[in-house]
Amino acid sequence: MTKRCNGLETSIWAAPRCHSQPPRCKPRCHDFSQPLGKTSGQIHALSRAHALQRFEQTCGRIRWKAIDLSNAYGRTQTPSHWSFSTLDAERNFKVDFHEFYIWIEQAVVLLLRVFGTTIDARPGQSTLSATHAFHHNVLMALSDELHPLHESLGTGDVKHALWKAKELRNRWKDVAEGQQAQTPPLKMYDLEWIVAKVMTGLDSAYAVAAQRVRQDMQTAGVDIDMQQAQAVQAEDEWQWMVEPMDWEANDSL
């Protein structure tokens, strides 16, 4: 990961602004947390648009964290240069990767919500705990061949990268929580490939989700003033990103 991630360089998140949303001109100020006479279809469409806008914000955070992750990986290659032992450098990187995966999972959850897909935290017939079942079920939802996000996130290299990232998140979870864990050295994993493929998959999935939101807006008859007002409001909403990142318990979209 000492090289810049191709998934980052070619991703739409590297652009100053995505162009799928209407222009962010300043409309008359409205509180779009209240219906204000909107139809149920318009409320539904705006709710999905809100999820997409939060996905955009999340991907901005992922882009930032991906750069940090690449720099952190570089420090694990020459830890003595930074006055770290090899063990401490790898432990710190594993904590960084654990935090990075949290943002990846949040992005996927928001994309799923654009299509009305909610994740069940119940373990079903497996022996997984509720928390582990949620993380597992997030990726399993993408395995449904009929789901609109399946082609972008549930097949091929992107699928393998997401599952490998989740596997590493699980392996390194104890380190992130301050516990000791014996795992193979970082050089055993192709971390640059994992990050690049995940970023590429999110890029592709965004195009699918943005198209769905545009269709929903048009079908529901959401006018340009509604879209612009919500877009401006969403740009000003960042506090949710610094709240406790327990995504499976957070339904406050």
C-alpha atoms as a PDB file:
ATOM      1  CA  MET A   1       0.000   0.000   0.000  1.00  0.00           C
ATOM      2  CA  THR A   2       2.933   2.307  -0.394  1.00  0.00           C
ATOM      3  CA  LYS A   3       1.628   3.268  -3.830  1.00  0.00           C
ATOM      4  CA  ARG A   4      -1.494   5.333  -4.297  1.00  0.00           C
ATOM      5  CA  CYS A   5      -4.567   3.176  -4.563  1.00  0.00           C
ATOM      6  CA  ASN A   6      -5.897   2.974  -8.123  1.00  0.00           C
ATOM      7  CA  GLY A   7      -9.413   2.673  -6.781  1.00  0.00           C
ATOM      8  CA  LEU A   8      -8.969   6.022  -5.093  1.00  0.00           C
ATOM      9  CA  GLU A   9      -7.405   7.814  -8.042  1.00  0.00           C
ATOM     10  CA  THR A  10     -10.079   6.726 -10.521  1.00  0.00           C
ATOM     11  CA  SER A  11     -13.051   6.975  -8.179  1.00  0.00           C
ATOM     12  CA  ILE A  12     -15.702   9.637  -8.586  1.00  0.00           C
ATOM     13  CA  TRP A  13     -14.995  10.515  -4.961  1.00  0.00           C
ATOM     14  CA  ALA A  14     -11.747  12.132  -6.109  1.00  0.00           C
ATOM     15  CA  ALA A  15     -13.759  14.677  -8.096  1.00  0.00           C
ATOM     16  CA  PRO A  16     -14.710  18.008  -6.488  1.00  0.00           C
ATOM     17  CA  ARG A  17     -18.396  17.140  -6.671  1.00  0.00           C
ATOM     18  CA  CYS A  18     -20.597  14.382  -7.997  1.00  0.00           C
ATOM     19  CA  HIS A  19     -22.839  15.486 -10.849  1.00  0.00           C
ATOM     20  CA  SER A  20     -25.795  13.177 -10.261  1.00  0.00           C
ATOM     21  CA  GLN A  21     -27.478  15.610  -7.882  1.00  0.00           C
ATOM     22  CA  PRO A  22     -29.158  18.909  -8.851  1.00  0.00           C
ATOM     23  CA  PRO A  23     -27.144  22.156  -8.615  1.00  0.00           C
ATOM     24  CA  ARG A  24     -26.569  23.269  -5.024  1.00  0.00           C
ATOM     25  CA  CYS A  25     -27.976  26.767  -5.406  1.00  0.00           C
ATOM     26  CA  LYS A  26     -29.499  28.319  -2.289  1.00  0.00           C
ATOM     27  CA  PRO A  27     -33.306  28.007  -2.300  1.00  0.00           C
ATOM     28  CA  ARG A  28     -35.723  29.421   0.203  1.00  0.00           C
ATOM     29  CA  CYS A  29     -35.013  27.792   3.532  1.00  0.00           C
ATOM     30  CA  HIS A  30     -37.397  24.977   4.513  1.00  0.00           C
ATOM     31  CA  ASP A  31     -37.297  22.308   7.184  1.00  0.00           C
ATOM     32  CA  PHE A  32     -37.457  19.077   5.231  1.00  0.00           C
ATOM     33  CA  SER A  33     -37.629  16.952   8.342  1.00  0.00           C
ATOM     34  CA  GLN A  34     -41.394  17.631   8.280  1.00  0.00           C
ATOM     35  CA  PRO A  35     -43.795  16.526   5.516  1.00  0.00           C
ATOM     36  CA  LEU A  36     -45.203  20.038   4.769  1.00  0.00           C
ATOM     37  CA  GLY A  37     -47.927  18.645   2.544  1.00  0.00           C
ATOM     38  CA  LYS A  38     -45.739  16.237   0.614  1.00  0.00           C
ATOM     39  CA  THR A  39     -47.268  13.041  -0.694  1.00  0.00           C
ATOM     40  CA  SER A  40     -46.153   9.701   0.707  1.00  0.00           C
ATOM     41  CA  GLY A  41     -44.353   9.031  -2.571  1.00  0.00           C
ATOM     42  CA  GLN A  42     -42.419  12.283  -2.311  1.00  0.00           C
ATOM     43  CA  ILE A  43     -41.465  11.587   1.306  1.00  0.00           C
ATOM     44  CA  HIS A  44     -40.303   8.123   0.282  1.00  0.00           C
ATOM     45  CA  ALA A  45     -38.254   9.463  -2.643  1.00  0.00           C
ATOM     46  CA  LEU A  46     -36.665  12.212  -0.547  1.00  0.00           C
ATOM     47  CA  SER A  47     -35.799   9.698   2.169  1.00  0.00           C
ATOM     48  CA  ARG A  48     -33.912   7.584  -0.347  1.00  0.00           C
ATOM     49  CA  ALA A  49     -32.224  10.677  -1.747  1.00  0.00           C
ATOM     50  CA  HIS A  50     -31.160  11.523   1.797  1.00  0.00           C
ATOM     51  CA  ALA A  51     -29.564   8.081   2.140  1.00  0.00           C
ATOM     52  CA  LEU A  52     -27.689   8.638  -1.126  1.00  0.00           C
ATOM     53  CA  GLN A  53     -26.445  12.039   0.029  1.00  0.00           C
ATOM     54  CA  ARG A  54     -25.199  10.508   3.258  1.00  0.00           C
ATOM     55  CA  PHE A  55     -23.485   7.860   1.173  1.00  0.00           C
ATOM     56  CA  GLU A  56     -21.689  10.641  -0.705  1.00  0.00           C
ATOM     57  CA  GLN A  57     -20.554  12.129   2.603  1.00  0.00           C
ATOM     58  CA  THR A  58     -19.446   8.719   3.827  1.00  0.00           C
ATOM     59  CA  CYS A  59     -17.409   8.145   0.672  1.00  0.00           C
ATOM     60  CA  GLY A  60     -15.722  11.482   1.197  1.00  0.00           C
ATOM     61  CA  ARG A  61     -14.685  10.169   4.593  1.00  0.00           C
ATOM     62  CA  ILE A  62     -13.582   6.856   3.060  1.00  0.00           C
ATOM     63  CA  ARG A  63     -11.419   8.703   0.571  1.00  0.00           C
ATOM     64  CA  TRP A  64      -9.770  10.633   3.418  1.00  0.00           C
ATOM     65  CA  LYS A  65      -9.256   7.493   5.488  1.00  0.00           C
ATOM     66  CA  ALA A  66      -7.878   5.550   2.498  1.00  0.00           C
ATOM     67  CA  ILE A  67      -5.058   8.068   2.175  1.00  0.00           C
ATOM     68  CA  ASP A  68      -4.377   7.791   5.904  1.00  0.00           C
ATOM     69  CA  LEU A  69      -4.446   4.005   5.651  1.00  0.00           C
ATOM     70  CA  SER A  70      -1.903   4.022   2.832  1.00  0.00           C
ATOM     71  CA  ASN A  71       0.389   6.290   4.831  1.00  0.00           C
ATOM     72  CA  ALA A  72      -0.031   4.113   7.917  1.00  0.00           C
ATOM     73  CA  TYR A  73       0.880   1.015   5.937  1.00  0.00           C
ATOM     74  CA  GLY A  74       4.040   2.750   4.789  1.00  0.00           C
ATOM     75  CA  ARG A  75       5.006   3.306   8.417  1.00  0.00           C
ATOM     76  CA  THR A  76       4.696  -0.426   9.094  1.00  0.00           C
ATOM     77  CA  GLN A  77       7.372  -1.059   6.454  1.00  0.00           C
ATOM     78  CA  THR A  78       9.957   1.137   8.205  1.00  0.00           C
ATOM     79  CA  PRO A  79       8.678   1.384  11.791  1.00  0.00           C
ATOM     80  CA  SER A  80      12.046   2.239  13.308  1.00  0.00           C
ATOM     81  CA  HIS A  81      12.154   5.409  11.209  1.00  0.00           C
ATOM     82  CA  TRP A  82       9.096   6.556  13.165  1.00  0.00           C
ATOM     83  CA  SER A  83      10.353   5.238  16.519  1.00  0.00           C
ATOM     84  CA  PHE A  84       7.897   2.342  16.576  1.00  0.00           C
ATOM     85  CA  SER A  85       8.615  -1.315  17.045  1.00  0.00           C
ATOM     86  CA  THR A  86       7.411  -3.633  14.293  1.00  0.00           C
ATOM     87  CA  LEU A  87       4.795  -5.066  16.649  1.00  0.00           C
ATOM     88  CA  ASP A  88       3.439  -1.666  17.696  1.00  0.00           C
ATOM     89  CA  ALA A  89       3.334  -0.426  14.112  1.00  0.00           C
ATOM     90  CA  GLU A  90       1.329  -3.439  12.961  1.00  0.00           C
ATOM     91  CA  ARG A  91      -1.033  -3.185  15.916  1.00  0.00           C
ATOM     92  CA  ASN A  92      -1.739   0.455  15.154  1.00  0.00           C
ATOM     93  CA  PHE A  93      -2.323  -0.304  11.488  1.00  0.00           C
ATOM     94  CA  LYS A  94      -4.787  -3.056  12.374  1.00  0.00           C
ATOM     95  CA  VAL A  95      -6.750  -0.583  14.484  1.00  0.00           C
ATOM     96  CA  ASP A  96      -6.725   1.828  11.525  1.00  0.00           C
ATOM     97  CA  PHE A  97      -8.012  -0.886   9.193  1.00  0.00           C
ATOM     98  CA  HIS A  98     -10.753  -1.853  11.637  1.00  0.00           C
ATOM     99  CA  GLU A  99     -11.942   1.768  11.679  1.00  0.00           C
ATOM    100  CA  PHE A 100     -11.690   1.941   7.881  1.00  0.00           C
ATOM    101  CA  TYR A 101     -13.945  -1.094   7.501  1.00  0.00           C
ATOM    102  CA  ILE A 102     -16.563   0.565   9.697  1.00  0.00           C
ATOM    103  CA  TRP A 103     -16.868   3.315   7.086  1.00  0.00           C
ATOM    104  CA  ILE A 104     -16.997   0.775   4.256  1.00  0.00           C
ATOM    105  CA  GLU A 105     -19.839  -1.037   5.985  1.00  0.00           C
ATOM    106  CA  GLN A 106     -21.682   2.223   6.617  1.00  0.00           C
ATOM    107  CA  ALA A 107     -21.436   3.089   2.931  1.00  0.00           C
ATOM    108  CA  VAL A 108     -22.891  -0.284   1.933  1.00  0.00           C
ATOM    109  CA  VAL A 109     -25.727   0.030   4.457  1.00  0.00           C
ATOM    110  CA  LEU A 110     -26.656   3.455   3.062  1.00  0.00           C
ATOM    111  CA  LEU A 111     -26.646   2.110  -0.498  1.00  0.00           C
ATOM    112  CA  LEU A 112     -28.909  -0.736   0.563  1.00  0.00           C
ATOM    113  CA  ARG A 113     -31.319   1.772   2.115  1.00  0.00           C
ATOM    114  CA  VAL A 114     -31.583   3.585  -1.210  1.00  0.00           C
ATOM    115  CA  PHE A 115     -33.254   0.398  -2.458  1.00  0.00           C
ATOM    116  CA  GLY A 116     -35.332  -0.100   0.688  1.00  0.00           C
ATOM    117  CA  THR A 117     -33.189  -2.974   1.969  1.00  0.00           C
ATOM    118  CA  THR A 118     -32.830  -3.226   5.740  1.00  0.00           C
ATOM    119  CA  ILE A 119     -30.422  -5.548   7.501  1.00  0.00           C
ATOM    120  CA  ASP A 120     -31.590  -8.071  10.071  1.00  0.00           C
ATOM    121  CA  ALA A 121     -29.237  -8.402  13.046  1.00  0.00           C
ATOM    122  CA  ARG A 122     -30.733 -11.745  14.069  1.00  0.00           C
ATOM    123  CA  PRO A 123     -28.325 -14.656  13.588  1.00  0.00           C
ATOM    124  CA  GLY A 124     -30.987 -17.003  12.230  1.00  0.00           C
ATOM    125  CA  GLN A 125     -29.841 -20.635  12.239  1.00  0.00           C
ATOM    126  CA  SER A 126     -26.142 -19.759  12.517  1.00  0.00           C
ATOM    127  CA  THR A 127     -24.143 -19.620  15.728  1.00  0.00           C
ATOM    128  CA  LEU A 128     -23.187 -15.981  15.170  1.00  0.00           C
ATOM    129  CA  SER A 129     -23.989 -13.361  17.767  1.00  0.00           C
ATOM    130  CA  ALA A 130     -26.400 -10.577  16.827  1.00  0.00           C
ATOM    131  CA  THR A 131     -23.534  -8.144  16.193  1.00  0.00           C
ATOM    132  CA  HIS A 132     -21.570 -10.584  14.060  1.00  0.00           C
ATOM    133  CA  ALA A 133     -24.757 -11.602  12.262  1.00  0.00           C
ATOM    134  CA  PHE A 134     -25.369  -7.995  11.259  1.00  0.00           C
ATOM    135  CA  HIS A 135     -21.907  -7.615   9.706  1.00  0.00           C
ATOM    136  CA  HIS A 136     -22.386 -10.944   7.916  1.00  0.00           C
ATOM    137  CA  ASN A 137     -25.891 -10.089   6.710  1.00  0.00           C
ATOM    138  CA  VAL A 138     -24.787  -6.756   5.232  1.00  0.00           C
ATOM    139  CA  LEU A 139     -22.615  -8.569   2.705  1.00  0.00           C
ATOM    140  CA  MET A 140     -25.050 -11.456   2.267  1.00  0.00           C
ATOM    141  CA  ALA A 141     -27.682  -8.968   1.079  1.00  0.00           C
ATOM    142  CA  LEU A 142     -25.403  -8.197  -1.868  1.00  0.00           C
ATOM    143  CA  SER A 143     -25.296 -11.885  -2.830  1.00  0.00           C
ATOM    144  CA  ASP A 144     -28.948 -11.808  -3.900  1.00  0.00           C
ATOM    145  CA  GLU A 145     -28.769 -12.027  -7.691  1.00  0.00           C
ATOM    146  CA  LEU A 146     -32.009 -10.053  -7.984  1.00  0.00           C
ATOM    147  CA  HIS A 147     -30.750  -7.116  -5.937  1.00  0.00           C
ATOM    148  CA  PRO A 148     -29.830  -4.023  -8.011  1.00  0.00           C
ATOM    149  CA  LEU A 149     -26.467  -3.769  -6.218  1.00  0.00           C
ATOM    150  CA  HIS A 150     -25.510  -7.396  -6.839  1.00  0.00           C
ATOM    151  CA  GLU A 151     -23.560  -6.778 -10.033  1.00  0.00           C
ATOM    152  CA  SER A 152     -21.574  -3.878  -8.556  1.00  0.00           C
ATOM    153  CA  LEU A 153     -20.832  -5.230  -5.081  1.00  0.00           C
ATOM    154  CA  GLY A 154     -21.864  -8.880  -4.954  1.00  0.00           C
ATOM    155  CA  THR A 155     -19.802 -10.479  -7.711  1.00  0.00           C
ATOM    156  CA  GLY A 156     -16.224 -11.003  -8.823  1.00  0.00           C
ATOM    157  CA  ASP A 157     -13.216  -9.258  -7.342  1.00  0.00           C
ATOM    158  CA  VAL A 158     -15.276  -6.660  -5.498  1.00  0.00           C
ATOM    159  CA  LYS A 159     -17.195  -9.367  -3.659  1.00  0.00           C
ATOM    160  CA  HIS A 160     -13.959 -11.141  -2.716  1.00  0.00           C
ATOM    161  CA  ALA A 161     -12.400  -7.866  -1.568  1.00  0.00           C
ATOM    162  CA  LEU A 162     -15.376  -6.982   0.643  1.00  0.00           C
ATOM    163  CA  TRP A 163     -15.430 -10.402   2.272  1.00  0.00           C
ATOM    164  CA  LYS A 164     -11.664 -10.359   2.753  1.00  0.00           C
ATOM    165  CA  ALA A 165     -11.904  -6.899   4.327  1.00  0.00           C
ATOM    166  CA  LYS A 166     -14.596  -8.191   6.678  1.00  0.00           C
ATOM    167  CA  GLU A 167     -12.436 -11.215   7.519  1.00  0.00           C
ATOM    168  CA  LEU A 168      -9.514  -8.960   8.414  1.00  0.00           C
ATOM    169  CA  ARG A 169     -11.827  -6.719  10.401  1.00  0.00           C
ATOM    170  CA  ASN A 170     -12.869  -9.762  12.433  1.00  0.00           C
ATOM    171  CA  ARG A 171      -9.288 -10.983  12.863  1.00  0.00           C
ATOM    172  CA  TRP A 172      -8.058  -7.587  13.970  1.00  0.00           C
ATOM    173  CA  LYS A 173     -11.074  -6.665  16.081  1.00  0.00           C
ATOM    174  CA  ASP A 174      -9.371  -7.776  19.304  1.00  0.00           C
ATOM    175  CA  VAL A 175      -6.427  -5.499  18.559  1.00  0.00           C
ATOM    176  CA  ALA A 176      -8.780  -2.567  17.976  1.00  0.00           C
ATOM    177  CA  GLU A 177     -10.366  -3.265  21.354  1.00  0.00           C
ATOM    178  CA  GLY A 178      -6.988  -3.322  23.095  1.00  0.00           C
ATOM    179  CA  GLN A 179      -6.673  -7.094  23.370  1.00  0.00           C
ATOM    180  CA  GLN A 180      -3.783  -9.290  22.289  1.00  0.00           C
ATOM    181  CA  ALA A 181      -4.192 -11.297  19.102  1.00  0.00           C
ATOM    182  CA  GLN A 182      -1.761 -13.434  17.134  1.00  0.00           C
ATOM    183  CA  THR A 183      -2.307 -12.927  13.408  1.00  0.00           C
ATOM    184  CA  PRO A 184      -0.063 -13.274  10.337  1.00  0.00           C
ATOM    185  CA  PRO A 185       2.109 -10.258   9.459  1.00  0.00           C
ATOM    186  CA  LEU A 186       0.629  -7.572   7.225  1.00  0.00           C
ATOM    187  CA  LYS A 187       2.821  -8.540   4.275  1.00  0.00           C
ATOM    188  CA  MET A 188       0.760 -11.725   3.980  1.00  0.00           C
ATOM    189  CA  TYR A 189      -2.228  -9.690   2.760  1.00  0.00           C
ATOM    190  CA  ASP A 190      -2.650  -7.768  -0.503  1.00  0.00           C
ATOM    191  CA  LEU A 191      -4.170  -4.768   1.231  1.00  0.00           C
ATOM    192  CA  GLU A 192      -3.716  -2.391  -1.700  1.00  0.00           C
ATOM    193  CA  TRP A 193      -5.755  -4.734  -3.910  1.00  0.00           C
ATOM    194  CA  ILE A 194      -8.498  -5.007  -1.286  1.00  0.00           C
ATOM    195  CA  VAL A 195      -8.879  -1.246  -0.883  1.00  0.00           C
ATOM    196  CA  ALA A 196      -8.722  -0.595  -4.636  1.00  0.00           C
ATOM    197  CA  LYS A 197     -11.423  -3.152  -5.448  1.00  0.00           C
ATOM    198  CA  VAL A 198     -13.726  -1.927  -2.684  1.00  0.00           C
ATOM    199  CA  MET A 199     -13.392   1.667  -3.882  1.00  0.00           C
ATOM    200  CA  THR A 200     -14.086   0.614  -7.461  1.00  0.00           C
ATOM    201  CA  GLY A 201     -17.175  -1.310  -6.370  1.00  0.00           C
ATOM    202  CA  LEU A 202     -18.559   1.629  -4.411  1.00  0.00           C
ATOM    203  CA  ASP A 203     -17.980   3.849  -7.430  1.00  0.00           C
ATOM    204  CA  SER A 204     -19.989   1.511  -9.654  1.00  0.00           C
ATOM    205  CA  ALA A 205     -22.731   1.037  -7.065  1.00  0.00           C
ATOM    206  CA  TYR A 206     -23.109   4.793  -6.673  1.00  0.00           C
ATOM    207  CA  ALA A 207     -24.061   5.142 -10.336  1.00  0.00           C
ATOM    208  CA  VAL A 208     -26.767   2.487  -9.902  1.00  0.00           C
ATOM    209  CA  ALA A 209     -28.131   4.113  -6.745  1.00  0.00           C
ATOM    210  CA  ALA A 210     -28.076   7.627  -8.211  1.00  0.00           C
ATOM    211  CA  GLN A 211     -30.071   6.436 -11.216  1.00  0.00           C
ATOM    212  CA  ARG A 212     -32.645   4.850  -8.900  1.00  0.00           C
ATOM    213  CA  VAL A 213     -32.989   8.061  -6.888  1.00  0.00           C
ATOM    214  CA  ARG A 214     -33.486  10.124 -10.045  1.00  0.00           C
ATOM    215  CA  GLN A 215     -36.207   7.731 -11.188  1.00  0.00           C
ATOM    216  CA  ASP A 216     -37.925   7.835  -7.795  1.00  0.00           C
ATOM    217  CA  MET A 217     -37.815  11.633  -7.762  1.00  0.00           C
ATOM    218  CA  GLN A 218     -39.323  11.841 -11.224  1.00  0.00           C
ATOM    219  CA  THR A 219     -42.033   9.273 -10.499  1.00  0.00           C
ATOM    220  CA  ALA A 220     -42.993  10.976  -7.232  1.00  0.00           C
ATOM    221  CA  GLY A 221     -43.125  14.394  -8.865  1.00  0.00           C
ATOM    222  CA  VAL A 222     -40.471  15.922  -6.626  1.00  0.00           C
ATOM    223  CA  ASP A 223     -39.801  19.390  -8.039  1.00  0.00           C
ATOM    224  CA  ILE A 224     -36.415  21.060  -8.349  1.00  0.00           C
ATOM    225  CA  ASP A 225     -36.990  23.323  -5.310  1.00  0.00           C
ATOM    226  CA  MET A 226     -37.510  20.297  -3.067  1.00  0.00           C
ATOM    227  CA  GLN A 227     -34.390  18.614  -4.444  1.00  0.00           C
ATOM    228  CA  GLN A 228     -32.216  21.700  -4.104  1.00  0.00           C
ATOM    229  CA  ALA A 229     -33.410  22.467  -0.587  1.00  0.00           C
ATOM    230  CA  GLN A 230     -32.714  18.935   0.588  1.00  0.00           C
ATOM    231  CA  ALA A 231     -29.303  18.963  -1.108  1.00  0.00           C
ATOM    232  CA  VAL A 232     -28.304  22.174   0.666  1.00  0.00           C
ATOM    233  CA  GLN A 233     -29.591  20.852   3.987  1.00  0.00           C
ATOM    234  CA  ALA A 234     -27.700  17.570   3.547  1.00  0.00           C
ATOM    235  CA  GLU A 235     -24.449  19.397   2.807  1.00  0.00           C
ATOM    236  CA  ASP A 236     -24.761  21.136   6.162  1.00  0.00           C
ATOM    237  CA  GLU A 237     -25.424  17.883   8.049  1.00  0.00           C
ATOM    238  CA  TRP A 238     -22.160  16.350   9.244  1.00  0.00           C
ATOM    239  CA  GLN A 239     -22.803  15.829  12.928  1.00  0.00           C
ATOM    240  CA  TRP A 240     -24.203  12.355  12.312  1.00  0.00           C
ATOM    241  CA  MET A 241     -20.739  11.276  11.141  1.00  0.00           C
ATOM    242  CA  VAL A 242     -19.165  11.925  14.541  1.00  0.00           C
ATOM    243  CA  GLU A 243     -21.845  10.180  16.549  1.00  0.00           C
ATOM    244  CA  PRO A 244     -21.074   6.677  17.915  1.00  0.00           C
ATOM    245  CA  MET A 245     -20.643   4.476  14.856  1.00  0.00           C
ATOM    246  CA  ASP A 246     -23.036   1.707  15.832  1.00  0.00           C
ATOM    247  CA  TRP A 247     -24.587   1.598  12.374  1.00  0.00           C
ATOM    248  CA  GLU A 248     -26.754  -1.445  12.920  1.00  0.00           C
ATOM    249  CA  ALA A 249     -28.557   0.366  15.758  1.00  0.00           C
ATOM    250  CA  ASN A 250     -28.828   3.696  13.939  1.00  0.00           C
ATOM    251  CA  ASP A 251     -32.092   4.143  12.079  1.00  0.00           C
ATOM    252  CA  SER A 252     -32.111   7.937  12.248  1.00  0.00           C
ATOM    253  CA  LEU A 253     -31.921   8.600   8.522  1.00  0.00           C
END
